[in-house]
Amino acid sequence: MEPADFYTGIVAELYEPLKSFSQDPEPYAAFIQQAGAPALELGCGDGDPLLELRRRGLDVDGVDSSADMLERLRRRADEQGIHATVFHQRMEALNLPRRYRTIFLAGPTFTLLPDDATALAALHGIRAHLAEGGTALVPLFTPAPTPAEQIGRVRTAAALDGAELRVSVVAEQRDETARTQTTLLRYERHHGSDSTIEERSWIMHWYTREQFEKLATTVGLAVTAVTDSDGKPAPAGITDLRHFRLRAT
């Protein structure tokens, strides 16, 4: 399975009941109000925070590689009476009908691009879809290895039809040279005598600040600021969440 197809099928079904938190819309609303609209959320998934931003009247489109997640977004939008324009495209192959003053990712979804070549293609697409003077916001982090005691631990939730949903980490491999961490996850759905079990590899690919800045510069994007989760300048060498602001050069 291609990494871009990870959030499909049973994974998309389990995403909402098993997710640990929803993205706070406030930082992204503030970013759009500061940098300008229209805006584009990359990796919008099932609609957090895109739907709340649209509810507030902000001109924000979305794009995601998973048709299943976008179907869930559209269903939520209909239930809430919100109009949202979304596109089924991969981040590394953007071809959208307009340009944007603001392009952002809500959370470090960029780390799901499996290698530097794919990341470079995604940054090229961001550059191509930024309006003159536009700004992009890319959160990044370096994932920590899954603690040994969490390998095999099962998280459970209940589906609306009463099915038991389960997810667990089966195994994990880390390659410091390639800067990748591959986690084998087991997804399960049990309803009476019917069971569905799938194992999928979840790949995360990380960057040092210097490595990411080099990729961005290659496609004509300058890093204008790097901040931590509190909005303060990020110290050198930090591996926690960092927000990279990019501007077209």
Foldseek 3Di string as FASTA:
>chain_A
DDLLAPCDDLNVQCCVFPPPDAFDCVVVLVVCVVQHDDEEEEQCFQHGPNQVSQVVVHNYAYEGQYPSRPVNNVVVCVVVVGDHHYYNDHLLDDDDDAAILEYEYRDQPLQQQFALVSSLSNLLNNLVRHDANHKYKHKFFQDDDDDPVQAPDWDWGADPVGKIKIKGWPDWDADVVRQKIWTWMWIWTGDPPDIDIDIDIRMGHHDAPVRVQVSNVVSQKHFPAKAAPVRHGDDHPHRHMIMTMIHGD
